[in-house]
Each structure stands twice: as structure tokens, then as C-alpha cells.
PDB file of all heavy atoms in Angstrom:
ATOM      1  N   ASP A   1     190.112  52.437  58.584  1.00  0.00           N
ATOM      2  CA  ASP A   1     189.258  53.253  59.441  1.00  0.00           C
ATOM      3  C   ASP A   1     189.798  54.674  59.595  1.00  0.00           C
ATOM      4  O   ASP A   1     189.039  55.628  59.798  1.00  0.00           O
ATOM      5  CB  ASP A   1     189.124  52.609  60.824  1.00  0.00           C
ATOM      6  CG  ASP A   1     188.253  51.361  60.805  1.00  0.00           C
ATOM      7  OD1 ASP A   1     187.569  51.135  59.796  1.00  0.00           O
ATOM      8  OD2 ASP A   1     188.273  50.609  61.801  1.00  0.00           O
ATOM      9  N   GLU A   2     191.120  54.812  59.498  1.00  0.00           N
ATOM     10  CA  GLU A   2     191.755  56.127  59.623  1.00  0.00           C
ATOM     11  C   GLU A   2     191.846  56.856  58.290  1.00  0.00           C
ATOM     12  O   GLU A   2     192.400  57.954  58.212  1.00  0.00           O
ATOM     13  CB  GLU A   2     193.150  55.974  60.232  1.00  0.00           C
ATOM     14  CG  GLU A   2     193.145  55.485  61.678  1.00  0.00           C
ATOM     15  CD  GLU A   2     194.548  55.281  62.222  1.00  0.00           C
ATOM     16  OE1 GLU A   2     195.519  55.476  61.450  1.00  0.00           O
ATOM     17  OE2 GLU A   2     194.680  54.915  63.403  1.00  0.00           O
ATOM     18  N   GLY A   3     191.302  56.248  57.243  1.00  0.00           N
ATOM     19  CA  GLY A   3     191.357  56.869  55.923  1.00  0.00           C
ATOM     20  C   GLY A   3     192.742  56.867  55.319  1.00  0.00           C
ATOM     21  O   GLY A   3     193.070  57.716  54.472  1.00  0.00           O
ATOM     22  N   LYS A   4     193.569  55.898  55.720  1.00  0.00           N
ATOM     23  CA  LYS A   4     194.952  55.850  55.265  1.00  0.00           C
ATOM     24  C   LYS A   4     195.167  54.700  54.279  1.00  0.00           C
ATOM     25  O   LYS A   4     196.005  53.824  54.471  1.00  0.00           O
ATOM     26  CB  LYS A   4     195.901  55.720  56.448  1.00  0.00           C
ATOM     27  CG  LYS A   4     195.928  56.961  57.339  1.00  0.00           C
ATOM     28  CD  LYS A   4     196.931  56.823  58.473  1.00  0.00           C
ATOM     29  CE  LYS A   4     197.007  58.095  59.295  1.00  0.00           C
ATOM     30  NZ  LYS A   4     198.001  57.992  60.400  1.00  0.00           N
ATOM     31  N   LEU A   5     194.365  54.712  53.216  1.00  0.00           N
ATOM     32  CA  LEU A   5     194.537  53.758  52.120  1.00  0.00           C
ATOM     33  C   LEU A   5     194.678  54.519  50.810  1.00  0.00           C
ATOM     34  O   LEU A   5     193.872  55.400  50.510  1.00  0.00           O
ATOM     35  CB  LEU A   5     193.347  52.800  52.014  1.00  0.00           C
ATOM     36  CG  LEU A   5     193.128  51.778  53.122  1.00  0.00           C
ATOM     37  CD1 LEU A   5     191.922  50.902  52.789  1.00  0.00           C
ATOM     38  CD2 LEU A   5     194.364  50.907  53.317  1.00  0.00           C
ATOM     39  N   ILE A   6     195.708  54.201  50.044  1.00  0.00           N
ATOM     40  CA  ILE A   6     195.859  54.718  48.687  1.00  0.00           C
ATOM     41  C   ILE A   6     195.040  53.806  47.777  1.00  0.00           C
ATOM     42  O   ILE A   6     195.184  52.585  47.825  1.00  0.00           O
ATOM     43  CB  ILE A   6     197.339  54.710  48.261  1.00  0.00           C
ATOM     44  CG1 ILE A   6     198.158  55.636  49.168  1.00  0.00           C
ATOM     45  CG2 ILE A   6     197.489  55.126  46.794  1.00  0.00           C
ATOM     46  CD1 ILE A   6     199.657  55.502  48.986  1.00  0.00           C
ATOM     47  N   ASP A   7     194.176  54.369  46.961  1.00  0.00           N
ATOM     48  CA  ASP A   7     193.274  53.563  46.135  1.00  0.00           C
ATOM     49  C   ASP A   7     194.021  52.651  45.173  1.00  0.00           C
ATOM     50  O   ASP A   7     195.030  53.040  44.575  1.00  0.00           O
ATOM     51  CB  ASP A   7     192.343  54.464  45.327  1.00  0.00           C
ATOM     52  CG  ASP A   7     191.283  55.130  46.189  1.00  0.00           C
ATOM     53  OD1 ASP A   7     191.015  54.632  47.298  1.00  0.00           O
ATOM     54  OD2 ASP A   7     190.732  56.164  45.754  1.00  0.00           O
ATOM     55  N   ASN A   8     193.495  51.432  45.027  1.00  0.00           N
ATOM     56  CA  ASN A   8     193.989  50.547  43.976  1.00  0.00           C
ATOM     57  C   ASN A   8     193.722  51.167  42.607  1.00  0.00           C
ATOM     58  O   ASN A   8     192.727  51.881  42.425  1.00  0.00           O
ATOM     59  CB  ASN A   8     193.254  49.196  44.019  1.00  0.00           C
ATOM     60  CG  ASN A   8     193.537  48.398  45.262  1.00  0.00           C
ATOM     61  OD1 ASN A   8     194.690  48.211  45.643  1.00  0.00           O
ATOM     62  ND2 ASN A   8     192.490  47.904  45.901  1.00  0.00           N
ATOM     63  N   TYR A   9     194.609  50.889  41.650  1.00  0.00           N
ATOM     64  CA  TYR A   9     194.323  51.240  40.259  1.00  0.00           C
ATOM     65  C   TYR A   9     193.791  49.982  39.586  1.00  0.00           C
ATOM     66  O   TYR A   9     194.492  48.966  39.512  1.00  0.00           O
ATOM     67  CB  TYR A   9     195.578  51.737  39.543  1.00  0.00           C
ATOM     68  CG  TYR A   9     195.310  52.160  38.120  1.00  0.00           C
ATOM     69  CD1 TYR A   9     194.585  53.317  37.847  1.00  0.00           C
ATOM     70  CD2 TYR A   9     195.756  51.399  37.043  1.00  0.00           C
ATOM     71  CE1 TYR A   9     194.318  53.705  36.547  1.00  0.00           C
ATOM     72  CE2 TYR A   9     195.498  51.788  35.734  1.00  0.00           C
ATOM     73  CZ  TYR A   9     194.772  52.938  35.486  1.00  0.00           C
ATOM     74  OH  TYR A   9     194.504  53.313  34.201  1.00  0.00           O
ATOM     75  N   ASN A  10     192.543  50.026  39.132  1.00  0.00           N
ATOM     76  CA  ASN A  10     191.849  48.817  38.677  1.00  0.00           C
ATOM     77  C   ASN A  10     191.823  48.618  37.169  1.00  0.00           C
ATOM     78  O   ASN A  10     191.075  47.775  36.676  1.00  0.00           O
ATOM     79  CB  ASN A  10     190.406  48.832  39.198  1.00  0.00           C
ATOM     80  CG  ASN A  10     190.332  48.724  40.698  1.00  0.00           C
ATOM     81  OD1 ASN A  10     191.017  47.903  41.298  1.00  0.00           O
ATOM     82  ND2 ASN A  10     189.516  49.566  41.318  1.00  0.00           N
ATOM     83  N   TYR A  11     192.638  49.375  36.433  1.00  0.00           N
ATOM     84  CA  TYR A  11     192.530  49.307  34.974  1.00  0.00           C
ATOM     85  C   TYR A  11     193.846  48.920  34.300  1.00  0.00           C
ATOM     86  O   TYR A  11     194.105  49.304  33.158  1.00  0.00           O
ATOM     87  CB  TYR A  11     192.041  50.649  34.419  1.00  0.00           C
ATOM     88  CG  TYR A  11     190.807  51.159  35.107  1.00  0.00           C
ATOM     89  CD1 TYR A  11     190.900  52.163  36.067  1.00  0.00           C
ATOM     90  CD2 TYR A  11     189.552  50.624  34.831  1.00  0.00           C
ATOM     91  CE1 TYR A  11     189.775  52.628  36.726  1.00  0.00           C
ATOM     92  CE2 TYR A  11     188.426  51.083  35.486  1.00  0.00           C
ATOM     93  CZ  TYR A  11     188.536  52.084  36.424  1.00  0.00           C
ATOM     94  OH  TYR A  11     187.425  52.535  37.080  1.00  0.00           O
ATOM     95  N   LEU A  12     194.672  48.167  34.973  1.00  0.00           N
ATOM     96  CA  LEU A  12     195.906  47.712  34.335  1.00  0.00           C
ATOM     97  C   LEU A  12     195.582  46.770  33.178  1.00  0.00           C
ATOM     98  O   LEU A  12     194.618  46.000  33.259  1.00  0.00           O
ATOM     99  CB  LEU A  12     196.790  46.981  35.353  1.00  0.00           C
ATOM    100  CG  LEU A  12     197.385  47.838  36.470  1.00  0.00           C
ATOM    101  CD1 LEU A  12     198.110  46.957  37.471  1.00  0.00           C
ATOM    102  CD2 LEU A  12     198.332  48.890  35.905  1.00  0.00           C
ATOM    103  N   PRO A  13     196.362  46.811  32.115  1.00  0.00           N
ATOM    104  CA  PRO A  13     196.147  45.874  31.011  1.00  0.00           C
ATOM    105  C   PRO A  13     196.204  44.434  31.508  1.00  0.00           C
ATOM    106  O   PRO A  13     196.884  44.129  32.506  1.00  0.00           O
ATOM    107  CB  PRO A  13     197.305  46.184  30.056  1.00  0.00           C
ATOM    108  CG  PRO A  13     197.659  47.606  30.353  1.00  0.00           C
ATOM    109  CD  PRO A  13     197.454  47.761  31.839  1.00  0.00           C
ATOM    110  N   ASP A  14     195.515  43.549  30.825  1.00  0.00           N
ATOM    111  CA  ASP A  14     195.369  42.176  31.292  1.00  0.00           C
ATOM    112  C   ASP A  14     196.688  41.426  31.432  1.00  0.00           C
ATOM    113  O   ASP A  14     196.812  40.533  32.257  1.00  0.00           O
ATOM    114  CB  ASP A  14     194.435  41.401  30.359  1.00  0.00           C
ATOM    115  CG  ASP A  14     192.999  41.885  30.455  1.00  0.00           C
ATOM    116  OD1 ASP A  14     192.597  42.327  31.546  1.00  0.00           O
ATOM    117  OD2 ASP A  14     192.283  41.836  29.443  1.00  0.00           O
ATOM    118  N   ASP A  15     197.681  41.777  30.619  1.00  0.00           N
ATOM    119  CA  ASP A  15     198.950  41.033  30.673  1.00  0.00           C
ATOM    120  C   ASP A  15     200.037  41.804  31.425  1.00  0.00           C
ATOM    121  O   ASP A  15     201.203  41.436  31.379  1.00  0.00           O
ATOM    122  CB  ASP A  15     199.437  40.695  29.267  1.00  0.00           C
ATOM    123  CG  ASP A  15     199.708  41.927  28.409  1.00  0.00           C
ATOM    124  OD1 ASP A  15     199.376  43.054  28.854  1.00  0.00           O
ATOM    125  OD2 ASP A  15     200.243  41.771  27.298  1.00  0.00           O
ATOM    126  N   HIS A  16     199.650  42.844  32.153  1.00  0.00           N
ATOM    127  CA  HIS A  16     200.639  43.687  32.825  1.00  0.00           C
ATOM    128  C   HIS A  16     201.508  42.892  33.793  1.00  0.00           C
ATOM    129  O   HIS A  16     202.737  42.967  33.763  1.00  0.00           O
ATOM    130  CB  HIS A  16     199.949  44.834  33.557  1.00  0.00           C
ATOM    131  CG  HIS A  16     200.874  45.670  34.404  1.00  0.00           C
ATOM    132  ND1 HIS A  16     201.145  45.367  35.725  1.00  0.00           N
ATOM    133  CD2 HIS A  16     201.607  46.779  34.113  1.00  0.00           C
ATOM    134  CE1 HIS A  16     201.998  46.248  36.213  1.00  0.00           C
ATOM    135  NE2 HIS A  16     202.290  47.119  35.253  1.00  0.00           N
ATOM    136  N   TYR A  17     200.870  42.128  34.670  1.00  0.00           N
ATOM    137  CA  TYR A  17     201.669  41.476  35.707  1.00  0.00           C
ATOM    138  C   TYR A  17     202.513  40.334  35.167  1.00  0.00           C
ATOM    139  O   TYR A  17     203.591  40.047  35.683  1.00  0.00           O
ATOM    140  CB  TYR A  17     200.791  41.030  36.886  1.00  0.00           C
ATOM    141  CG  TYR A  17     200.127  39.679  36.760  1.00  0.00           C
ATOM    142  CD1 TYR A  17     200.717  38.538  37.292  1.00  0.00           C
ATOM    143  CD2 TYR A  17     198.879  39.543  36.163  1.00  0.00           C
ATOM    144  CE1 TYR A  17     200.092  37.309  37.222  1.00  0.00           C
ATOM    145  CE2 TYR A  17     198.252  38.320  36.082  1.00  0.00           C
ATOM    146  CZ  TYR A  17     198.852  37.198  36.619  1.00  0.00           C
ATOM    147  OH  TYR A  17     198.235  35.985  36.537  1.00  0.00           O
ATOM    148  N   SER A  18     202.062  39.690  34.099  1.00  0.00           N
ATOM    149  CA  SER A  18     202.858  38.592  33.557  1.00  0.00           C
ATOM    150  C   SER A  18     204.060  39.107  32.766  1.00  0.00           C
ATOM    151  O   SER A  18     205.190  38.608  32.930  1.00  0.00           O
ATOM    152  CB  SER A  18     201.999  37.680  32.679  1.00  0.00           C
ATOM    153  OG  SER A  18     201.416  38.405  31.605  1.00  0.00           O
ATOM    154  N   VAL A  19     203.847  40.126  31.950  1.00  0.00           N
ATOM    155  CA  VAL A  19     204.941  40.656  31.129  1.00  0.00           C
ATOM    156  C   VAL A  19     205.920  41.465  31.981  1.00  0.00           C
ATOM    157  O   VAL A  19     207.127  41.234  31.983  1.00  0.00           O
ATOM    158  CB  VAL A  19     204.397  41.519  29.967  1.00  0.00           C
ATOM    159  CG1 VAL A  19     205.552  42.132  29.183  1.00  0.00           C
ATOM    160  CG2 VAL A  19     203.515  40.683  29.050  1.00  0.00           C
ATOM    161  N   CYS A  20     205.387  42.435  32.712  1.00  0.00           N
ATOM    162  CA  CYS A  20     206.262  43.263  33.550  1.00  0.00           C
ATOM    163  C   CYS A  20     206.824  42.459  34.716  1.00  0.00           C
ATOM    164  O   CYS A  20     207.928  42.736  35.198  1.00  0.00           O
ATOM    165  CB  CYS A  20     205.499  44.481  34.069  1.00  0.00           C
ATOM    166  SG  CYS A  20     204.998  45.633  32.756  1.00  0.00           S
ATOM    167  N   GLY A  21     206.078  41.455  35.153  1.00  0.00           N
ATOM    168  CA  GLY A  21     206.576  40.591  36.213  1.00  0.00           C
ATOM    169  C   GLY A  21     207.801  39.810  35.782  1.00  0.00           C
ATOM    170  O   GLY A  21     208.740  39.610  36.568  1.00  0.00           O
ATOM    171  N   ALA A  22     207.823  39.372  34.528  1.00  0.00           N
ATOM    172  CA  ALA A  22     208.993  38.660  34.012  1.00  0.00           C
ATOM    173  C   ALA A  22     210.210  39.578  33.985  1.00  0.00           C
ATOM    174  O   ALA A  22     211.332  39.161  34.300  1.00  0.00           O
ATOM    175  CB  ALA A  22     208.693  38.126  32.614  1.00  0.00           C
ATOM    176  N   SER A  23     209.986  40.839  33.633  1.00  0.00           N
ATOM    177  CA  SER A  23     211.082  41.809  33.651  1.00  0.00           C
ATOM    178  C   SER A  23     211.569  42.054  35.076  1.00  0.00           C
ATOM    179  O   SER A  23     212.776  42.121  35.337  1.00  0.00           O
ATOM    180  CB  SER A  23     210.624  43.133  33.031  1.00  0.00           C
ATOM    181  OG  SER A  23     210.307  42.983  31.665  1.00  0.00           O
ATOM    182  N   PHE A  24     210.631  42.158  36.003  1.00  0.00           N
ATOM    183  CA  PHE A  24     210.983  42.392  37.395  1.00  0.00           C
ATOM    184  C   PHE A  24     211.757  41.206  37.966  1.00  0.00           C
ATOM    185  O   PHE A  24     212.674  41.366  38.785  1.00  0.00           O
ATOM    186  CB  PHE A  24     209.715  42.640  38.222  1.00  0.00           C
ATOM    187  CG  PHE A  24     209.864  43.737  39.243  1.00  0.00           C
ATOM    188  CD1 PHE A  24     208.973  44.799  39.275  1.00  0.00           C
ATOM    189  CD2 PHE A  24     210.893  43.715  40.171  1.00  0.00           C
ATOM    190  CE1 PHE A  24     209.099  45.814  40.220  1.00  0.00           C
ATOM    191  CE2 PHE A  24     211.030  44.724  41.121  1.00  0.00           C
ATOM    192  CZ  PHE A  24     210.137  45.775  41.146  1.00  0.00           C
ATOM    193  N   GLN A  25     211.412  40.015  37.543  1.00  0.00           N
ATOM    194  CA  GLN A  25     212.148  38.829  37.994  1.00  0.00           C
ATOM    195  C   GLN A  25     213.595  38.867  37.519  1.00  0.00           C
ATOM    196  O   GLN A  25     214.498  38.441  38.242  1.00  0.00           O
ATOM    197  CB  GLN A  25     211.449  37.565  37.509  1.00  0.00           C
ATOM    198  CG  GLN A  25     210.167  37.262  38.259  1.00  0.00           C
ATOM    199  CD  GLN A  25     209.385  36.118  37.663  1.00  0.00           C
ATOM    200  OE1 GLN A  25     209.530  35.788  36.483  1.00  0.00           O
ATOM    201  NE2 GLN A  25     208.523  35.502  38.457  1.00  0.00           N
ATOM    202  N   LYS A  26     213.807  39.389  36.335  1.00  0.00           N
ATOM    203  CA  LYS A  26     215.189  39.534  35.852  1.00  0.00           C
ATOM    204  C   LYS A  26     215.964  40.510  36.729  1.00  0.00           C
ATOM    205  O   LYS A  26     217.143  40.300  37.018  1.00  0.00           O
ATOM    206  CB  LYS A  26     215.195  40.012  34.384  1.00  0.00           C
ATOM    207  CG  LYS A  26     214.709  38.964  33.394  1.00  0.00           C
ATOM    208  CD  LYS A  26     215.086  39.297  31.964  1.00  0.00           C
ATOM    209  CE  LYS A  26     214.392  40.527  31.450  1.00  0.00           C
ATOM    210  NZ  LYS A  26     214.704  40.786  30.025  1.00  0.00           N
ATOM    211  N   TYR A  27     215.289  41.562  37.170  1.00  0.00           N
ATOM    212  CA  TYR A  27     215.937  42.532  38.059  1.00  0.00           C
ATOM    213  C   TYR A  27     216.258  41.886  39.405  1.00  0.00           C
ATOM    214  O   TYR A  27     217.348  42.073  39.962  1.00  0.00           O
ATOM    215  CB  TYR A  27     215.031  43.740  38.260  1.00  0.00           C
ATOM    216  CG  TYR A  27     215.629  44.814  39.135  1.00  0.00           C
ATOM    217  CD1 TYR A  27     216.601  45.677  38.642  1.00  0.00           C
ATOM    218  CD2 TYR A  27     215.227  44.953  40.467  1.00  0.00           C
ATOM    219  CE1 TYR A  27     217.170  46.666  39.449  1.00  0.00           C
ATOM    220  CE2 TYR A  27     215.781  45.937  41.273  1.00  0.00           C
ATOM    221  CZ  TYR A  27     216.757  46.782  40.763  1.00  0.00           C
ATOM    222  OH  TYR A  27     217.314  47.743  41.565  1.00  0.00           O
ATOM    223  N   LEU A  28     215.317  41.116  39.908  1.00  0.00           N
ATOM    224  CA  LEU A  28     215.522  40.438  41.179  1.00  0.00           C
ATOM    225  C   LEU A  28     216.691  39.468  41.108  1.00  0.00           C
ATOM    226  O   LEU A  28     217.415  39.275  42.085  1.00  0.00           O
ATOM    227  CB  LEU A  28     214.239  39.694  41.578  1.00  0.00           C
ATOM    228  CG  LEU A  28     214.228  38.968  42.921  1.00  0.00           C
ATOM    229  CD1 LEU A  28     214.445  39.949  44.073  1.00  0.00           C
ATOM    230  CD2 LEU A  28     212.913  38.215  43.107  1.00  0.00           C
ATOM    231  N   ALA A  29     216.902  38.894  39.925  1.00  0.00           N
ATOM    232  CA  ALA A  29     217.991  37.926  39.731  1.00  0.00           C
ATOM    233  C   ALA A  29     219.280  38.587  39.258  1.00  0.00           C
ATOM    234  O   ALA A  29     220.227  37.902  38.866  1.00  0.00           O
ATOM    235  CB  ALA A  29     217.556  36.871  38.713  1.00  0.00           C
TER     236      ALA A  29
END
């Protein structure tokens, strides 16, 4: 309501979260 939302980016490649997520999990570990 206050206009304080950063827009989602809706065009990530289909495998972005699975591939980059696996890399991020390595960082977390």
C-alpha cells in the first residue's frame, strides 16, 4: 500500500533455481 515493493523479475531461466540453488547449498555448507 505504501508502494514499497521491488518488482519480481519474472524471466529467470527454467533451471535457474535448481542449478544455482545447488551451488548456493554448497556455500551454505
